[in-house]
N, C-alpha and C. Protein backbone atom coordinates (compact mmCIF):
# COMPACT_ATOMS: atom_id res chain seq x y z
N MET A 1 53.66 83.10 16.04
CA MET A 1 55.01 82.82 15.73
C MET A 1 55.89 83.61 16.79
N SER A 2 56.89 83.11 17.33
CA SER A 2 57.80 83.74 18.28
C SER A 2 58.52 85.02 17.67
N ASP A 3 58.73 85.95 18.57
CA ASP A 3 59.52 87.09 18.29
C ASP A 3 60.92 86.67 18.07
N ASP A 4 61.43 85.57 18.53
CA ASP A 4 62.89 85.06 18.53
C ASP A 4 63.18 84.56 17.22
N ILE A 5 62.26 84.37 16.28
CA ILE A 5 62.60 83.68 14.98
C ILE A 5 63.49 84.56 14.18
N GLY A 6 64.64 83.97 13.87
CA GLY A 6 65.62 84.74 13.18
C GLY A 6 66.78 85.21 14.08
N LYS A 7 66.52 85.08 15.42
CA LYS A 7 67.39 85.67 16.39
C LYS A 7 68.75 84.76 16.53
N ILE A 8 69.92 85.44 16.73
CA ILE A 8 71.01 84.65 17.19
C ILE A 8 70.90 84.30 18.55
N GLY A 9 70.82 82.90 18.70
CA GLY A 9 70.46 82.52 20.00
C GLY A 9 71.72 82.00 20.64
N TRP A 10 72.73 81.73 20.04
CA TRP A 10 74.02 81.20 20.71
C TRP A 10 75.09 81.03 19.69
N ILE A 11 76.20 80.99 20.46
CA ILE A 11 77.53 80.70 19.40
C ILE A 11 78.45 79.90 20.19
N ASP A 12 78.91 78.87 19.44
CA ASP A 12 79.97 78.13 20.28
C ASP A 12 81.03 77.57 19.16
N MET A 13 82.07 77.16 19.96
CA MET A 13 83.20 76.61 19.09
C MET A 13 83.27 75.29 19.30
N THR A 14 83.75 74.49 18.30
CA THR A 14 84.34 73.17 18.38
C THR A 14 85.81 73.09 18.08
N THR A 15 86.58 72.56 18.76
CA THR A 15 87.91 72.51 18.52
C THR A 15 88.69 71.27 19.30
N GLU A 16 89.77 70.90 18.72
CA GLU A 16 90.44 69.64 19.32
C GLU A 16 91.05 70.18 20.51
N ASP A 17 91.45 71.45 20.78
CA ASP A 17 92.04 71.77 22.04
C ASP A 17 91.19 72.77 22.84
N ALA A 18 90.09 72.37 23.28
CA ALA A 18 89.07 73.31 23.95
C ALA A 18 89.66 73.90 25.26
N ALA A 19 90.55 73.29 26.02
CA ALA A 19 91.01 73.99 27.28
C ALA A 19 91.96 75.19 26.87
N ASN A 20 92.93 74.83 26.00
CA ASN A 20 93.63 75.88 25.58
C ASN A 20 92.98 77.23 24.87
N VAL A 21 91.92 76.83 24.01
CA VAL A 21 91.26 77.94 23.38
C VAL A 21 90.46 78.69 24.53
N ARG A 22 89.77 77.97 25.43
CA ARG A 22 89.17 78.58 26.46
C ARG A 22 90.17 79.54 27.35
N ASP A 23 91.26 79.23 27.61
CA ASP A 23 92.28 80.11 28.05
C ASP A 23 92.59 81.24 27.47
N PHE A 24 92.87 80.92 26.11
CA PHE A 24 93.05 82.10 25.21
C PHE A 24 92.15 83.17 25.13
N TYR A 25 90.59 82.67 25.17
CA TYR A 25 89.57 83.89 25.15
C TYR A 25 89.50 84.41 26.50
N LYS A 26 89.78 83.82 27.47
CA LYS A 26 89.83 84.27 28.93
C LYS A 26 90.88 85.36 28.92
N ALA A 27 91.93 85.23 28.44
CA ALA A 27 93.11 86.17 28.50
C ALA A 27 92.83 87.40 27.49
N VAL A 28 92.44 87.00 26.22
CA VAL A 28 92.29 88.00 25.21
C VAL A 28 90.85 88.93 25.40
N VAL A 29 89.84 88.20 25.77
CA VAL A 29 88.51 88.91 25.72
C VAL A 29 88.25 89.41 27.23
N GLY A 30 88.63 88.51 28.22
CA GLY A 30 88.35 88.70 29.45
C GLY A 30 87.16 87.97 30.17
N PHE A 31 86.80 86.92 29.34
CA PHE A 31 85.66 86.14 29.85
C PHE A 31 86.02 85.31 31.02
N ASP A 32 85.05 84.98 31.91
CA ASP A 32 85.12 83.99 32.95
C ASP A 32 84.70 82.72 32.21
N SER A 33 84.88 81.56 32.85
CA SER A 33 84.31 80.30 32.19
C SER A 33 83.73 79.52 33.36
N GLU A 34 82.75 78.52 32.85
CA GLU A 34 82.14 77.57 33.84
C GLU A 34 82.34 76.26 32.99
N ASP A 35 82.62 75.28 33.79
CA ASP A 35 82.61 73.80 33.23
C ASP A 35 81.19 73.49 32.93
N VAL A 36 81.01 72.77 31.76
CA VAL A 36 79.78 71.99 31.53
C VAL A 36 80.04 70.44 31.56
N SER A 37 79.53 69.81 32.29
CA SER A 37 79.82 68.36 32.36
C SER A 37 79.32 67.60 31.04
N MET A 38 80.21 66.87 30.44
CA MET A 38 79.66 66.14 29.21
C MET A 38 80.01 64.70 29.54
N GLY A 39 79.91 64.30 30.89
CA GLY A 39 80.22 62.80 31.34
C GLY A 39 81.58 62.71 31.83
N ASP A 40 82.35 62.35 31.00
CA ASP A 40 83.79 62.06 31.44
C ASP A 40 84.80 63.13 30.99
N TYR A 41 84.24 64.16 30.59
CA TYR A 41 85.05 65.54 30.24
C TYR A 41 84.18 66.72 30.47
N ALA A 42 84.77 67.99 30.24
CA ALA A 42 83.81 69.21 30.41
C ALA A 42 84.01 69.91 29.19
N ASP A 43 83.10 70.63 28.64
CA ASP A 43 83.14 71.61 27.81
C ASP A 43 82.86 72.94 28.65
N TYR A 44 82.88 74.14 28.06
CA TYR A 44 82.91 75.49 28.85
C TYR A 44 82.00 76.25 28.21
N ASN A 45 81.27 77.10 29.21
CA ASN A 45 80.48 78.15 28.92
C ASN A 45 81.47 79.20 29.29
N MET A 46 81.51 80.32 28.23
CA MET A 46 82.29 81.45 28.37
C MET A 46 81.25 82.46 28.87
N LYS A 47 81.70 83.22 30.11
CA LYS A 47 80.69 84.11 30.90
C LYS A 47 81.19 85.43 30.79
N MET A 48 80.38 86.55 30.74
CA MET A 48 80.61 87.91 30.99
C MET A 48 81.13 88.08 32.40
N PRO A 49 82.19 88.79 32.61
CA PRO A 49 82.72 88.84 34.01
C PRO A 49 81.77 89.68 34.95
N ALA A 50 81.22 90.55 34.35
CA ALA A 50 80.45 91.48 35.30
C ALA A 50 78.93 90.90 35.65
N SER A 51 78.45 90.35 34.61
CA SER A 51 77.06 89.68 35.04
C SER A 51 77.07 88.24 35.22
N GLY A 52 77.94 87.44 34.77
CA GLY A 52 77.94 85.99 34.95
C GLY A 52 77.09 85.41 33.88
N GLU A 53 76.69 86.10 32.94
CA GLU A 53 75.83 85.68 31.74
C GLU A 53 76.67 84.88 30.85
N ALA A 54 76.21 83.62 30.50
CA ALA A 54 76.90 82.79 29.61
C ALA A 54 76.63 83.39 28.08
N VAL A 55 77.54 83.55 27.51
CA VAL A 55 77.32 84.22 25.87
C VAL A 55 78.01 83.35 24.82
N ALA A 56 78.83 82.20 25.13
CA ALA A 56 79.30 81.42 23.99
C ALA A 56 79.68 80.18 24.84
N GLY A 57 79.96 79.18 23.98
CA GLY A 57 80.63 77.97 24.37
C GLY A 57 81.83 77.59 23.74
N ILE A 58 82.63 76.78 24.36
CA ILE A 58 83.87 76.32 23.79
C ILE A 58 83.74 74.73 24.05
N CYS A 59 83.64 73.98 22.99
CA CYS A 59 83.47 72.49 23.05
C CYS A 59 84.51 71.68 22.40
N HIS A 60 84.71 70.57 23.06
CA HIS A 60 85.73 69.53 22.62
C HIS A 60 85.05 69.03 21.46
N ALA A 61 86.08 68.66 20.35
CA ALA A 61 85.54 67.93 19.07
C ALA A 61 85.47 66.38 19.23
N ARG A 62 84.61 66.02 20.25
CA ARG A 62 84.18 64.59 20.57
C ARG A 62 82.85 64.45 21.10
N GLY A 63 82.47 63.27 21.31
CA GLY A 63 81.11 62.85 21.81
C GLY A 63 80.20 63.57 20.81
N SER A 64 79.17 64.30 21.44
CA SER A 64 78.08 64.79 20.56
C SER A 64 78.55 65.93 19.66
N ASN A 65 79.65 66.28 19.68
CA ASN A 65 80.38 67.46 18.94
C ASN A 65 81.31 67.00 17.93
N ALA A 66 81.46 65.58 17.90
CA ALA A 66 82.45 65.07 16.78
C ALA A 66 82.20 65.54 15.45
N GLU A 67 80.77 65.49 15.19
CA GLU A 67 80.46 65.82 13.78
C GLU A 67 80.53 67.18 13.19
N LEU A 68 80.62 68.22 14.32
CA LEU A 68 80.50 69.65 14.11
C LEU A 68 81.80 70.10 13.33
N PRO A 69 81.70 71.05 12.46
CA PRO A 69 82.88 71.71 11.88
C PRO A 69 83.62 72.50 12.85
N ALA A 70 84.94 72.53 12.77
CA ALA A 70 85.75 73.31 13.53
C ALA A 70 85.41 74.66 13.33
N GLY A 71 85.74 75.44 14.56
CA GLY A 71 85.48 76.89 14.38
C GLY A 71 84.18 77.27 15.11
N TRP A 72 84.04 78.56 14.99
CA TRP A 72 82.68 79.27 15.65
C TRP A 72 81.68 78.74 14.76
N LEU A 73 80.49 78.39 15.69
CA LEU A 73 79.22 77.97 14.86
C LEU A 73 78.12 78.92 15.51
N ILE A 74 77.50 79.65 14.65
CA ILE A 74 76.22 80.52 14.98
C ILE A 74 74.96 79.80 15.03
N TYR A 75 74.14 79.87 16.05
CA TYR A 75 72.87 79.31 16.16
C TYR A 75 71.74 80.28 15.96
N PHE A 76 70.91 80.03 14.89
CA PHE A 76 69.75 80.79 14.43
C PHE A 76 68.56 80.29 14.97
N THR A 77 67.57 80.90 15.56
CA THR A 77 66.45 80.59 16.23
C THR A 77 65.46 80.40 14.84
N VAL A 78 64.76 79.20 14.70
CA VAL A 78 63.85 78.97 13.63
C VAL A 78 62.61 78.40 14.30
N ALA A 79 61.48 78.45 13.54
CA ALA A 79 60.13 78.10 14.04
C ALA A 79 60.10 76.55 13.75
N ASP A 80 60.79 75.89 12.75
CA ASP A 80 60.53 74.49 12.57
C ASP A 80 61.74 73.97 12.01
N VAL A 81 62.50 73.36 12.74
CA VAL A 81 63.87 72.87 12.37
C VAL A 81 63.89 71.70 11.09
N GLU A 82 62.83 71.12 11.01
CA GLU A 82 62.72 70.15 10.01
C GLU A 82 62.37 70.84 8.66
N ALA A 83 61.44 71.92 8.73
CA ALA A 83 61.14 72.69 7.45
C ALA A 83 62.37 73.51 7.03
N SER A 84 63.09 74.11 8.11
CA SER A 84 64.23 74.84 7.75
C SER A 84 65.36 74.04 6.99
N ALA A 85 65.54 72.80 7.58
CA ALA A 85 66.32 71.83 6.91
C ALA A 85 66.02 71.60 5.59
N ALA A 86 64.93 71.51 5.35
CA ALA A 86 64.39 70.98 3.89
C ALA A 86 64.69 72.38 3.07
N ALA A 87 64.23 73.48 3.60
CA ALA A 87 64.48 74.83 2.81
C ALA A 87 65.89 74.95 2.48
N CYS A 88 66.83 74.57 3.33
CA CYS A 88 68.11 74.59 3.19
C CYS A 88 68.52 73.87 1.75
N GLU A 89 68.16 72.55 1.75
CA GLU A 89 68.57 71.83 0.73
C GLU A 89 67.84 72.06 -0.66
N ALA A 90 66.51 72.69 -0.52
CA ALA A 90 65.88 73.15 -1.66
C ALA A 90 66.47 74.47 -2.17
N ASN A 91 67.30 75.19 -1.43
CA ASN A 91 67.76 76.44 -1.78
C ASN A 91 69.37 76.46 -2.05
N GLY A 92 69.78 75.30 -2.33
CA GLY A 92 71.31 75.17 -2.60
C GLY A 92 72.21 75.00 -1.50
N GLY A 93 71.79 74.70 -0.30
CA GLY A 93 72.44 74.23 0.78
C GLY A 93 72.64 72.89 1.00
N ARG A 94 73.41 72.75 1.98
CA ARG A 94 73.63 71.13 2.30
C ARG A 94 73.31 70.89 3.89
N LEU A 95 72.64 69.77 4.18
CA LEU A 95 72.55 69.48 5.57
C LEU A 95 73.61 68.61 6.15
N VAL A 96 74.33 69.29 7.06
CA VAL A 96 75.52 68.62 7.62
C VAL A 96 75.33 67.75 8.74
N ILE A 97 74.37 68.02 9.63
CA ILE A 97 73.96 67.21 10.70
C ILE A 97 72.41 67.25 10.74
N GLU A 98 71.72 66.14 10.57
CA GLU A 98 70.24 65.99 10.58
C GLU A 98 69.60 66.51 11.91
N PRO A 99 68.48 67.05 11.72
CA PRO A 99 67.87 67.42 13.02
C PRO A 99 67.86 66.49 14.13
N ARG A 100 68.03 66.94 15.31
CA ARG A 100 68.17 66.02 16.43
C ARG A 100 67.96 66.85 17.83
N GLY A 101 67.82 66.26 18.84
CA GLY A 101 67.45 67.02 20.04
C GLY A 101 68.67 67.78 20.67
N LEU A 102 68.46 68.93 21.34
CA LEU A 102 69.58 69.69 22.00
C LEU A 102 68.82 70.62 22.97
N ALA A 103 69.30 70.59 24.11
CA ALA A 103 68.85 71.60 25.25
C ALA A 103 67.36 71.92 25.30
N GLY A 104 66.66 70.76 25.26
CA GLY A 104 65.19 70.99 25.28
C GLY A 104 64.36 71.43 23.95
N GLY A 105 65.25 71.43 22.90
CA GLY A 105 64.65 71.81 21.68
C GLY A 105 65.16 70.75 20.53
N ARG A 106 65.31 71.28 19.33
CA ARG A 106 65.94 70.49 18.27
C ARG A 106 66.92 71.42 17.40
N PHE A 107 68.01 70.84 16.90
CA PHE A 107 68.68 71.60 15.95
C PHE A 107 69.37 70.87 14.77
N CYS A 108 69.94 71.49 13.90
CA CYS A 108 70.60 70.90 12.76
C CYS A 108 71.65 71.74 12.58
N VAL A 109 72.79 71.17 11.60
CA VAL A 109 73.59 72.08 11.13
C VAL A 109 73.71 72.06 9.51
N VAL A 110 73.81 73.38 9.10
CA VAL A 110 73.65 73.50 7.73
C VAL A 110 74.82 74.12 7.08
N GLU A 111 75.16 73.95 5.76
CA GLU A 111 76.10 74.58 5.05
C GLU A 111 75.45 75.32 3.88
N ASP A 112 75.73 76.75 3.89
CA ASP A 112 74.96 77.46 2.88
C ASP A 112 75.64 77.46 1.61
N PRO A 113 75.13 78.07 0.46
CA PRO A 113 75.80 77.98 -0.87
C PRO A 113 77.15 78.41 -0.87
N GLY A 114 77.52 79.51 -0.07
CA GLY A 114 78.78 80.10 -0.11
C GLY A 114 79.99 79.29 0.79
N GLY A 115 79.53 78.15 1.37
CA GLY A 115 80.35 77.36 2.11
C GLY A 115 80.47 77.63 3.62
N SER A 116 79.68 78.56 4.23
CA SER A 116 79.63 78.83 5.51
C SER A 116 78.62 77.86 6.31
N PHE A 117 78.95 77.60 7.51
CA PHE A 117 78.15 76.82 8.39
C PHE A 117 77.43 77.58 9.47
N ALA A 118 76.24 77.00 9.72
CA ALA A 118 75.37 77.55 10.75
C ALA A 118 74.57 76.47 11.33
N ALA A 119 74.01 76.57 12.58
CA ALA A 119 73.02 75.73 13.24
C ALA A 119 71.65 76.56 13.21
N LEU A 120 70.79 75.63 13.03
CA LEU A 120 69.36 76.05 13.17
C LEU A 120 68.76 75.61 14.44
N TYR A 121 68.12 76.27 15.37
CA TYR A 121 67.65 75.80 16.56
C TYR A 121 66.23 76.04 16.76
N GLN A 122 65.42 75.14 17.09
CA GLN A 122 63.96 75.29 17.41
C GLN A 122 63.85 75.03 18.89
N PRO A 123 63.55 76.12 19.81
CA PRO A 123 63.24 75.79 21.11
C PRO A 123 62.10 74.90 21.46
């Protein structure tokens, strides 16, 4: 089993106004940004200015992100996304987005019994 199981692997935000929100976090936090082509538009990787490391994403609420809840979404690394999705439902949660491919792996979005959202990602 991977040592990364349970690790927070990524965080991104889905919003109707991604460019404005990108500029907000650049000004407030000091991030640099990099466009990520989504075909006919770009989402944004937010990068640490000293290292250039991408640490978060800001995404338009369209295309593959249209179904995602608005706001920051944390991605937890799991061993088996289908098994974790089933465990979510068996333990009082709700599957918001069914498991599907993402960045060479698979992910889904769940809502926990308290009403918070998280993504589960299997590399």
